[in-house]
């Protein structure tokens, strides 16, 4: 999780996307998955994959509706339109 966030912070979006997708796939029940997905969506957005980012944000809202991550995703989703 932290490695993916660190890569994102350093604008290494491809590395961040890869790292975060691996975390989400290997540890789907980890408590940081919703936050990792928000970072993943932002990394996708920053790297120009608007459709992938929209899909990620929509997935967060559907899977984790009552979380801070869902609130963030809602805002980012609105900003991608």
PDB file of N, CA and C in Angstrom:
ATOM      1  N   UNK A   1       0.834  -1.201   0.000  1.00  0.00           N
ATOM      2  CA  UNK A   1       0.000   0.000   0.000  1.00  0.00           C
ATOM      3  C   UNK A   1       0.873   1.258   0.000  1.00  0.00           C
ATOM      4  N   UNK A   2       1.815   1.307   0.947  1.00  0.00           N
ATOM      5  CA  UNK A   2       2.650   2.506   1.049  1.00  0.00           C
ATOM      6  C   UNK A   2       3.564   2.662  -0.153  1.00  0.00           C
ATOM      7  N   UNK A   3       4.028   1.546  -0.667  1.00  0.00           N
ATOM      8  CA  UNK A   3       4.899   1.598  -1.842  1.00  0.00           C
ATOM      9  C   UNK A   3       4.144   2.176  -3.044  1.00  0.00           C
ATOM     10  N   UNK A   4       2.906   1.746  -3.213  1.00  0.00           N
ATOM     11  CA  UNK A   4       2.079   2.270  -4.308  1.00  0.00           C
ATOM     12  C   UNK A   4       1.814   3.756  -4.142  1.00  0.00           C
ATOM     13  N   UNK A   5       1.518   4.169  -2.906  1.00  0.00           N
ATOM     14  CA  UNK A   5       1.280   5.590  -2.635  1.00  0.00           C
ATOM     15  C   UNK A   5       2.533   6.412  -2.856  1.00  0.00           C
ATOM     16  N   UNK A   6       3.660   5.852  -2.474  1.00  0.00           N
ATOM     17  CA  UNK A   6       4.936   6.536  -2.662  1.00  0.00           C
ATOM     18  C   UNK A   6       5.221   6.744  -4.146  1.00  0.00           C
ATOM     19  N   UNK A   7       4.983   5.701  -4.937  1.00  0.00           N
ATOM     20  CA  UNK A   7       5.182   5.811  -6.392  1.00  0.00           C
ATOM     21  C   UNK A   7       4.249   6.884  -6.967  1.00  0.00           C
ATOM     22  N   UNK A   8       3.001   6.890  -6.512  1.00  0.00           N
ATOM     23  CA  UNK A   8       2.039   7.890  -6.982  1.00  0.00           C
ATOM     24  C   UNK A   8       2.533   9.301  -6.629  1.00  0.00           C
ATOM     25  N   UNK A   9       2.980   9.478  -5.400  1.00  0.00           N
ATOM     26  CA  UNK A   9       3.461  10.787  -4.941  1.00  0.00           C
ATOM     27  C   UNK A   9       4.654  11.263  -5.763  1.00  0.00           C
ATOM     28  N   UNK A  10       5.452  10.323  -6.242  1.00  0.00           N
ATOM     29  CA  UNK A  10       6.624  10.653  -7.059  1.00  0.00           C
ATOM     30  C   UNK A  10       6.305  10.695  -8.552  1.00  0.00           C
ATOM     31  N   UNK A  11       5.004  10.667  -8.874  1.00  0.00           N
ATOM     32  CA  UNK A  11       4.514  10.728 -10.255  1.00  0.00           C
ATOM     33  C   UNK A  11       4.954   9.541 -11.115  1.00  0.00           C
ATOM     34  N   UNK A  12       5.273   8.410 -10.460  1.00  0.00           N
ATOM     35  CA  UNK A  12       5.591   7.166 -11.184  1.00  0.00           C
ATOM     36  C   UNK A  12       4.284   6.387 -11.299  1.00  0.00           C
ATOM     37  N   UNK A  13       3.388   6.922 -12.144  1.00  0.00           N
ATOM     38  CA  UNK A  13       2.021   6.411 -12.197  1.00  0.00           C
ATOM     39  C   UNK A  13       1.922   4.956 -12.637  1.00  0.00           C
ATOM     40  N   UNK A  14       2.707   4.548 -13.628  1.00  0.00           N
ATOM     41  CA  UNK A  14       2.652   3.160 -14.100  1.00  0.00           C
ATOM     42  C   UNK A  14       3.036   2.199 -12.975  1.00  0.00           C
ATOM     43  N   UNK A  15       4.081   2.544 -12.238  1.00  0.00           N
ATOM     44  CA  UNK A  15       4.502   1.710 -11.113  1.00  0.00           C
ATOM     45  C   UNK A  15       3.458   1.676 -10.013  1.00  0.00           C
ATOM     46  N   UNK A  16       2.862   2.824  -9.737  1.00  0.00           N
ATOM     47  CA  UNK A  16       1.820   2.908  -8.710  1.00  0.00           C
ATOM     48  C   UNK A  16       0.621   2.045  -9.101  1.00  0.00           C
ATOM     49  N   UNK A  17       0.208   2.137 -10.355  1.00  0.00           N
ATOM     50  CA  UNK A  17      -0.939   1.360 -10.837  1.00  0.00           C
ATOM     51  C   UNK A  17      -0.656  -0.135 -10.667  1.00  0.00           C
ATOM     52  N   UNK A  18       0.516  -0.557 -11.109  1.00  0.00           N
ATOM     53  CA  UNK A  18       0.898  -1.963 -11.008  1.00  0.00           C
ATOM     54  C   UNK A  18       0.905  -2.433  -9.551  1.00  0.00           C
ATOM     55  N   UNK A  19       1.546  -1.663  -8.701  1.00  0.00           N
ATOM     56  CA  UNK A  19       1.670  -2.005  -7.278  1.00  0.00           C
ATOM     57  C   UNK A  19       0.295  -2.088  -6.607  1.00  0.00           C
ATOM     58  N   UNK A  20      -0.545  -1.107  -6.853  1.00  0.00           N
ATOM     59  CA  UNK A  20      -1.859  -1.058  -6.209  1.00  0.00           C
ATOM     60  C   UNK A  20      -2.781  -2.157  -6.734  1.00  0.00           C
ATOM     61  N   UNK A  21      -2.714  -2.446  -8.042  1.00  0.00           N
ATOM     62  CA  UNK A  21      -3.537  -3.526  -8.593  1.00  0.00           C
ATOM     63  C   UNK A  21      -3.142  -4.869  -7.981  1.00  0.00           C
ATOM     64  N   UNK A  22      -1.850  -5.064  -7.764  1.00  0.00           N
ATOM     65  CA  UNK A  22      -1.375  -6.302  -7.148  1.00  0.00           C
ATOM     66  C   UNK A  22      -1.900  -6.421  -5.717  1.00  0.00           C
ATOM     67  N   UNK A  23      -1.822  -5.340  -4.955  1.00  0.00           N
ATOM     68  CA  UNK A  23      -2.343  -5.333  -3.587  1.00  0.00           C
ATOM     69  C   UNK A  23      -3.828  -5.687  -3.573  1.00  0.00           C
ATOM     70  N   UNK A  24      -4.607  -5.022  -4.426  1.00  0.00           N
ATOM     71  CA  UNK A  24      -6.056  -5.206  -4.467  1.00  0.00           C
ATOM     72  C   UNK A  24      -6.406  -6.646  -4.852  1.00  0.00           C
ATOM     73  N   UNK A  25      -5.663  -7.200  -5.824  1.00  0.00           N
ATOM     74  CA  UNK A  25      -5.914  -8.567  -6.288  1.00  0.00           C
ATOM     75  C   UNK A  25      -5.521  -9.607  -5.229  1.00  0.00           C
ATOM     76  N   UNK A  26      -4.352  -9.422  -4.611  1.00  0.00           N
ATOM     77  CA  UNK A  26      -3.851 -10.416  -3.665  1.00  0.00           C
ATOM     78  C   UNK A  26      -4.463 -10.327  -2.274  1.00  0.00           C
ATOM     79  N   UNK A  27      -4.928  -9.145  -1.892  1.00  0.00           N
ATOM     80  CA  UNK A  27      -5.481  -8.949  -0.552  1.00  0.00           C
ATOM     81  C   UNK A  27      -6.817  -8.204  -0.618  1.00  0.00           C
ATOM     82  N   UNK A  28      -7.818  -8.817  -1.256  1.00  0.00           N
ATOM     83  CA  UNK A  28      -9.092  -8.104  -1.481  1.00  0.00           C
ATOM     84  C   UNK A  28      -9.826  -7.689  -0.208  1.00  0.00           C
ATOM     85  N   UNK A  29      -9.536  -8.345   0.924  1.00  0.00           N
ATOM     86  CA  UNK A  29     -10.234  -8.013   2.169  1.00  0.00           C
ATOM     87  C   UNK A  29      -9.424  -7.100   3.088  1.00  0.00           C
ATOM     88  N   UNK A  30      -8.280  -6.645   2.607  1.00  0.00           N
ATOM     89  CA  UNK A  30      -7.433  -5.765   3.426  1.00  0.00           C
ATOM     90  C   UNK A  30      -8.165  -4.449   3.674  1.00  0.00           C
ATOM     91  N   UNK A  31      -8.085  -3.926   4.900  1.00  0.00           N
ATOM     92  CA  UNK A  31      -8.811  -2.678   5.212  1.00  0.00           C
ATOM     93  C   UNK A  31      -8.356  -1.461   4.403  1.00  0.00           C
ATOM     94  N   UNK A  32      -7.173  -1.505   3.810  1.00  0.00           N
ATOM     95  CA  UNK A  32      -6.695  -0.358   3.030  1.00  0.00           C
ATOM     96  C   UNK A  32      -7.095  -0.430   1.550  1.00  0.00           C
ATOM     97  N   UNK A  33      -7.791  -1.476   1.153  1.00  0.00           N
ATOM     98  CA  UNK A  33      -8.156  -1.616  -0.263  1.00  0.00           C
ATOM     99  C   UNK A  33      -8.976  -0.430  -0.786  1.00  0.00           C
ATOM    100  N   UNK A  34     -10.000   0.031  -0.058  1.00  0.00           N
ATOM    101  CA  UNK A  34     -10.740   1.195  -0.594  1.00  0.00           C
ATOM    102  C   UNK A  34      -9.843   2.408  -0.846  1.00  0.00           C
ATOM    103  N   UNK A  35      -8.947   2.706   0.098  1.00  0.00           N
ATOM    104  CA  UNK A  35      -8.028   3.843  -0.069  1.00  0.00           C
ATOM    105  C   UNK A  35      -7.052   3.582  -1.216  1.00  0.00           C
ATOM    106  N   UNK A  36      -6.592   2.340  -1.321  1.00  0.00           N
ATOM    107  CA  UNK A  36      -5.679   1.975  -2.412  1.00  0.00           C
ATOM    108  C   UNK A  36      -6.371   2.168  -3.761  1.00  0.00           C
ATOM    109  N   UNK A  37      -7.670   1.852  -3.804  1.00  0.00           N
ATOM    110  CA  UNK A  37      -8.418   2.021  -5.049  1.00  0.00           C
ATOM    111  C   UNK A  37      -8.570   3.488  -5.431  1.00  0.00           C
ATOM    112  N   UNK A  38      -8.707   4.363  -4.428  1.00  0.00           N
ATOM    113  CA  UNK A  38      -8.784   5.805  -4.711  1.00  0.00           C
ATOM    114  C   UNK A  38      -7.471   6.268  -5.347  1.00  0.00           C
ATOM    115  N   UNK A  39      -6.353   5.841  -4.751  1.00  0.00           N
ATOM    116  CA  UNK A  39      -5.050   6.202  -5.305  1.00  0.00           C
ATOM    117  C   UNK A  39      -4.882   5.613  -6.701  1.00  0.00           C
ATOM    118  N   UNK A  40      -5.336   4.376  -6.872  1.00  0.00           N
ATOM    119  CA  UNK A  40      -5.275   3.725  -8.185  1.00  0.00           C
ATOM    120  C   UNK A  40      -6.042   4.550  -9.220  1.00  0.00           C
ATOM    121  N   UNK A  41      -7.249   4.954  -8.877  1.00  0.00           N
ATOM    122  CA  UNK A  41      -8.056   5.763  -9.795  1.00  0.00           C
ATOM    123  C   UNK A  41      -7.377   7.074 -10.145  1.00  0.00           C
ATOM    124  N   UNK A  42      -6.770   7.701  -9.151  1.00  0.00           N
ATOM    125  CA  UNK A  42      -6.061   8.955  -9.402  1.00  0.00           C
ATOM    126  C   UNK A  42      -4.849   8.741 -10.300  1.00  0.00           C
ATOM    127  N   UNK A  43      -4.132   7.641 -10.072  1.00  0.00           N
ATOM    128  CA  UNK A  43      -2.967   7.332 -10.906  1.00  0.00           C
ATOM    129  C   UNK A  43      -3.404   7.070 -12.346  1.00  0.00           C
ATOM    130  N   UNK A  44      -4.527   6.378 -12.496  1.00  0.00           N
ATOM    131  CA  UNK A  44      -5.059   6.125 -13.849  1.00  0.00           C
ATOM    132  C   UNK A  44      -5.437   7.437 -14.523  1.00  0.00           C
ATOM    133  N   UNK A  45      -6.046   8.321 -13.761  1.00  0.00           N
ATOM    134  CA  UNK A  45      -6.444   9.622 -14.283  1.00  0.00           C
ATOM    135  C   UNK A  45      -5.217  10.427 -14.711  1.00  0.00           C
ATOM    136  N   UNK A  46      -4.217  10.483 -13.838  1.00  0.00           N
ATOM    137  CA  UNK A  46      -2.992  11.235 -14.122  1.00  0.00           C
ATOM    138  C   UNK A  46      -2.239  10.686 -15.333  1.00  0.00           C
ATOM    139  N   UNK A  47      -2.345   9.374 -15.559  1.00  0.00           N
ATOM    140  CA  UNK A  47      -1.626   8.777 -16.683  1.00  0.00           C
ATOM    141  C   UNK A  47      -2.464   8.794 -17.969  1.00  0.00           C
ATOM    142  N   UNK A  48      -3.627   9.444 -17.910  1.00  0.00           N
ATOM    143  CA  UNK A  48      -4.433   9.623 -19.116  1.00  0.00           C
ATOM    144  C   UNK A  48      -5.466   8.542 -19.383  1.00  0.00           C
ATOM    145  N   UNK A  49      -5.627   7.602 -18.451  1.00  0.00           N
ATOM    146  CA  UNK A  49      -6.615   6.527 -18.629  1.00  0.00           C
ATOM    147  C   UNK A  49      -7.928   6.911 -17.953  1.00  0.00           C
ATOM    148  N   UNK A  50      -8.607   7.877 -18.545  1.00  0.00           N
ATOM    149  CA  UNK A  50      -9.831   8.412 -17.946  1.00  0.00           C
ATOM    150  C   UNK A  50     -10.908   7.342 -17.774  1.00  0.00           C
ATOM    151  N   UNK A  51     -11.067   6.464 -18.772  1.00  0.00           N
ATOM    152  CA  UNK A  51     -12.091   5.416 -18.701  1.00  0.00           C
ATOM    153  C   UNK A  51     -11.794   4.440 -17.564  1.00  0.00           C
ATOM    154  N   UNK A  52     -10.521   4.076 -17.419  1.00  0.00           N
ATOM    155  CA  UNK A  52     -10.130   3.151 -16.345  1.00  0.00           C
ATOM    156  C   UNK A  52     -10.373   3.803 -14.980  1.00  0.00           C
ATOM    157  N   UNK A  53     -10.060   5.094 -14.879  1.00  0.00           N
ATOM    158  CA  UNK A  53     -10.266   5.823 -13.623  1.00  0.00           C
ATOM    159  C   UNK A  53     -11.753   5.869 -13.267  1.00  0.00           C
ATOM    160  N   UNK A  54     -12.599   6.160 -14.240  1.00  0.00           N
ATOM    161  CA  UNK A  54     -14.046   6.201 -13.997  1.00  0.00           C
ATOM    162  C   UNK A  54     -14.544   4.849 -13.501  1.00  0.00           C
ATOM    163  N   UNK A  55     -14.040   3.769 -14.119  1.00  0.00           N
ATOM    164  CA  UNK A  55     -14.433   2.416 -13.731  1.00  0.00           C
ATOM    165  C   UNK A  55     -13.999   2.139 -12.287  1.00  0.00           C
ATOM    166  N   UNK A  56     -12.773   2.514 -11.949  1.00  0.00           N
ATOM    167  CA  UNK A  56     -12.264   2.303 -10.594  1.00  0.00           C
ATOM    168  C   UNK A  56     -13.088   3.085  -9.572  1.00  0.00           C
ATOM    169  N   UNK A  57     -13.345   4.360  -9.852  1.00  0.00           N
ATOM    170  CA  UNK A  57     -14.135   5.182  -8.919  1.00  0.00           C
ATOM    171  C   UNK A  57     -15.556   4.633  -8.754  1.00  0.00           C
ATOM    172  N   UNK A  58     -16.161   4.189  -9.845  1.00  0.00           N
ATOM    173  CA  UNK A  58     -17.510   3.622  -9.783  1.00  0.00           C
ATOM    174  C   UNK A  58     -17.522   2.340  -8.945  1.00  0.00           C
ATOM    175  N   UNK A  59     -16.469   1.550  -9.110  1.00  0.00           N
ATOM    176  CA  UNK A  59     -16.337   0.296  -8.355  1.00  0.00           C
ATOM    177  C   UNK A  59     -16.226   0.571  -6.851  1.00  0.00           C
ATOM    178  N   UNK A  60     -15.475   1.592  -6.473  1.00  0.00           N
ATOM    179  CA  UNK A  60     -15.332   1.952  -5.053  1.00  0.00           C
ATOM    180  C   UNK A  60     -16.698   2.306  -4.485  1.00  0.00           C
ATOM    181  N   UNK A  61     -17.448   3.132  -5.207  1.00  0.00           N
ATOM    182  CA  UNK A  61     -18.762   3.586  -4.745  1.00  0.00           C
ATOM    183  C   UNK A  61     -19.709   2.395  -4.586  1.00  0.00           C
ATOM    184  N   UNK A  62     -19.637   1.441  -5.521  1.00  0.00           N
ATOM    185  CA  UNK A  62     -20.512   0.268  -5.467  1.00  0.00           C
ATOM    186  C   UNK A  62     -20.119  -0.697  -4.340  1.00  0.00           C
ATOM    187  N   UNK A  63     -18.809  -0.945  -4.186  1.00  0.00           N
ATOM    188  CA  UNK A  63     -18.347  -1.937  -3.208  1.00  0.00           C
ATOM    189  C   UNK A  63     -18.254  -1.420  -1.785  1.00  0.00           C
ATOM    190  N   UNK A  64     -17.938  -0.143  -1.632  1.00  0.00           N
ATOM    191  CA  UNK A  64     -17.696   0.429  -0.293  1.00  0.00           C
ATOM    192  C   UNK A  64     -18.510   1.711  -0.122  1.00  0.00           C
ATOM    193  N   UNK A  65     -19.841   1.607  -0.207  1.00  0.00           N
ATOM    194  CA  UNK A  65     -20.681   2.817  -0.269  1.00  0.00           C
ATOM    195  C   UNK A  65     -20.594   3.762   0.932  1.00  0.00           C
ATOM    196  N   UNK A  66     -20.376   3.246   2.133  1.00  0.00           N
ATOM    197  CA  UNK A  66     -20.400   4.112   3.315  1.00  0.00           C
ATOM    198  C   UNK A  66     -19.019   4.442   3.855  1.00  0.00           C
ATOM    199  N   UNK A  67     -18.053   4.578   2.949  1.00  0.00           N
ATOM    200  CA  UNK A  67     -16.681   4.855   3.392  1.00  0.00           C
ATOM    201  C   UNK A  67     -16.224   6.229   2.927  1.00  0.00           C
ATOM    202  N   UNK A  68     -15.158   6.711   3.540  1.00  0.00           N
ATOM    203  CA  UNK A  68     -14.545   7.961   3.088  1.00  0.00           C
ATOM    204  C   UNK A  68     -14.037   7.798   1.655  1.00  0.00           C
ATOM    205  N   UNK A  69     -13.568   6.591   1.346  1.00  0.00           N
ATOM    206  CA  UNK A  69     -13.066   6.324  -0.010  1.00  0.00           C
ATOM    207  C   UNK A  69     -14.178   6.541  -1.036  1.00  0.00           C
ATOM    208  N   UNK A  70     -15.394   6.124  -0.704  1.00  0.00           N
ATOM    209  CA  UNK A  70     -16.528   6.303  -1.627  1.00  0.00           C
ATOM    210  C   UNK A  70     -16.849   7.790  -1.803  1.00  0.00           C
ATOM    211  N   UNK A  71     -16.746   8.547  -0.720  1.00  0.00           N
ATOM    212  CA  UNK A  71     -16.985   9.998  -0.813  1.00  0.00           C
ATOM    213  C   UNK A  71     -15.939  10.645  -1.719  1.00  0.00           C
ATOM    214  N   UNK A  72     -14.679  10.246  -1.516  1.00  0.00           N
ATOM    215  CA  UNK A  72     -13.599  10.766  -2.371  1.00  0.00           C
ATOM    216  C   UNK A  72     -13.837  10.374  -3.821  1.00  0.00           C
ATOM    217  N   UNK A  73     -14.183   9.113  -4.021  1.00  0.00           N
ATOM    218  CA  UNK A  73     -14.396   8.606  -5.380  1.00  0.00           C
ATOM    219  C   UNK A  73     -15.522   9.367  -6.064  1.00  0.00           C
ATOM    220  N   UNK A  74     -16.565   9.684  -5.312  1.00  0.00           N
ATOM    221  CA  UNK A  74     -17.703  10.440  -5.849  1.00  0.00           C
ATOM    222  C   UNK A  74     -17.230  11.805  -6.370  1.00  0.00           C
ATOM    223  N   UNK A  75     -16.368  12.457  -5.595  1.00  0.00           N
ATOM    224  CA  UNK A  75     -15.856  13.771  -5.994  1.00  0.00           C
ATOM    225  C   UNK A  75     -14.961  13.664  -7.233  1.00  0.00           C
ATOM    226  N   UNK A  76     -14.079  12.654  -7.238  1.00  0.00           N
ATOM    227  CA  UNK A  76     -13.182  12.488  -8.375  1.00  0.00           C
ATOM    228  C   UNK A  76     -13.960  12.102  -9.627  1.00  0.00           C
ATOM    229  N   UNK A  77     -15.002  11.299  -9.451  1.00  0.00           N
ATOM    230  CA  UNK A  77     -15.846  10.878 -10.574  1.00  0.00           C
ATOM    231  C   UNK A  77     -16.510  12.098 -11.187  1.00  0.00           C
ATOM    232  N   UNK A  78     -17.023  12.971 -10.349  1.00  0.00           N
ATOM    233  CA  UNK A  78     -17.663  14.200 -10.829  1.00  0.00           C
ATOM    234  C   UNK A  78     -16.651  15.061 -11.591  1.00  0.00           C
ATOM    235  N   UNK A  79     -15.415  15.061 -11.117  1.00  0.00           N
ATOM    236  CA  UNK A  79     -14.370  15.874 -11.756  1.00  0.00           C
ATOM    237  C   UNK A  79     -13.903  15.304 -13.104  1.00  0.00           C
ATOM    238  N   UNK A  80     -14.171  14.028 -13.357  1.00  0.00           N
ATOM    239  CA  UNK A  80     -13.725  13.427 -14.624  1.00  0.00           C
ATOM    240  C   UNK A  80     -14.699  13.685 -15.768  1.00  0.00           C
ATOM    241  N   UNK A  81     -15.863  14.239 -15.460  1.00  0.00           N
ATOM    242  CA  UNK A  81     -16.864  14.439 -16.518  1.00  0.00           C
ATOM    243  C   UNK A  81     -16.524  15.610 -17.417  1.00  0.00           C
TER     244      UNK A  81
END
